[in-house]
Amino acid sequence: SIGIEMCEHRGNNREATLNRTAKLAAVLMKKNDIPLRNVVPHYHWPRRGRNPANKNCPHFLMDNGRPGGKWRTFLNRVNYQYRRLG
């Protein structure tokens, strides 16, 4: 698997971070023949012996601690960037 971390700092432009991350994910998908359905948040992997079992990560793309509309919107960005690669 390939992991991508989105780091933020004070004064960060979240939209720019999301766009850069979507572009990077698309390039990695193309290079490694990874389908969009395999692009998953950190939440995807359960943490053994932890409560909650799934990490709320990336928190700004989760809806009430779970993948939902915000995550789907991000995947749409990734897919858009992927299609632009041709």
Protein backbone atom coordinates (compact mmCIF):
# COMPACT_ATOMS: atom_id res chain seq x y z
CA SER A 1 0.00 0.00 0.00
CA ILE A 2 0.96 3.64 -0.43
CA GLY A 3 0.25 6.17 2.30
CA ILE A 4 -0.19 9.90 1.79
CA GLU A 5 -0.21 12.27 4.75
CA MET A 6 -1.86 15.69 4.60
CA CYS A 7 -0.17 18.00 7.10
CA GLU A 8 -1.50 21.40 8.04
CA HIS A 9 -0.05 24.33 9.88
CA ARG A 10 -1.35 27.71 11.00
CA GLY A 11 -2.19 29.82 7.97
CA ASN A 12 -2.46 26.76 5.75
CA ASN A 13 -4.72 26.85 2.70
CA ARG A 14 -6.76 23.65 3.07
CA GLU A 15 -8.13 23.85 -0.48
CA ALA A 16 -4.58 23.99 -1.85
CA THR A 17 -3.64 21.01 0.33
CA LEU A 18 -6.62 19.01 -0.92
CA ASN A 19 -5.86 19.87 -4.54
CA ARG A 20 -2.18 18.91 -4.23
CA THR A 21 -3.11 15.67 -2.51
CA ALA A 22 -5.70 14.82 -5.17
CA LYS A 23 -3.08 15.42 -7.89
CA LEU A 24 -0.52 13.26 -6.09
CA ALA A 25 -3.04 10.46 -5.55
CA ALA A 26 -3.99 10.57 -9.24
CA VAL A 27 -0.35 10.37 -10.36
CA LEU A 28 0.28 7.43 -8.03
CA MET A 29 -2.89 5.70 -9.26
CA LYS A 30 -1.74 6.08 -12.87
CA LYS A 31 1.85 5.02 -12.20
CA ASN A 32 0.90 1.97 -10.12
CA ASP A 33 -2.36 0.97 -11.87
CA ILE A 34 -4.43 1.59 -8.74
CA PRO A 35 -8.22 1.89 -9.19
CA LEU A 36 -10.09 4.71 -7.47
CA ARG A 37 -11.97 2.19 -5.31
CA ASN A 38 -8.63 1.39 -3.63
CA VAL A 39 -8.08 4.99 -2.52
CA VAL A 40 -9.20 4.83 1.10
CA PRO A 41 -8.83 7.03 4.20
CA HIS A 42 -6.80 6.07 7.26
CA TYR A 43 -10.20 5.24 8.77
CA HIS A 44 -10.24 2.14 6.54
CA TRP A 45 -7.79 0.19 8.71
CA PRO A 46 -9.14 -0.80 12.15
CA ARG A 47 -6.91 -0.32 15.18
CA ARG A 48 -6.80 -3.48 17.28
CA GLY A 49 -7.65 -3.01 20.92
CA ARG A 50 -8.47 0.68 20.50
CA ASN A 51 -11.72 2.53 21.03
CA PRO A 52 -12.90 3.73 18.65
CA ALA A 53 -11.61 0.97 16.40
CA ASN A 54 -11.27 3.28 13.39
CA LYS A 55 -9.25 6.48 13.33
CA ASN A 56 -11.11 9.69 12.43
CA CYS A 57 -8.56 10.49 9.75
CA PRO A 58 -8.29 12.66 7.83
CA HIS A 59 -10.66 14.38 10.25
CA PHE A 60 -11.55 17.22 7.88
CA LEU A 61 -12.74 14.72 5.26
CA MET A 62 -14.85 12.62 7.64
CA ASP A 63 -18.52 13.13 8.45
CA ASN A 64 -19.18 12.45 12.14
CA GLY A 65 -15.98 10.40 12.29
CA ARG A 66 -16.78 8.28 9.22
CA PRO A 67 -16.28 8.50 5.45
CA GLY A 68 -19.28 10.17 3.85
CA GLY A 69 -20.02 13.07 1.56
CA LYS A 70 -16.79 14.94 2.28
CA TRP A 71 -14.72 11.85 1.45
CA ARG A 72 -16.73 11.26 -1.75
CA THR A 73 -16.13 14.88 -2.76
CA PHE A 74 -12.40 14.36 -2.27
CA LEU A 75 -12.52 11.17 -4.37
CA ASN A 76 -14.24 13.19 -7.10
CA ARG A 77 -11.25 15.56 -7.03
CA VAL A 78 -8.87 12.62 -7.33
CA ASN A 79 -10.87 11.17 -10.21
CA TYR A 80 -10.91 14.55 -11.98
CA GLN A 81 -7.13 14.80 -11.71
CA TYR A 82 -6.75 11.19 -12.88
CA ARG A 83 -8.84 11.83 -16.00
CA ARG A 84 -6.72 14.91 -16.77
CA LEU A 85 -3.64 12.69 -16.93
CA GLY A 86 -5.06 10.98 -20.00
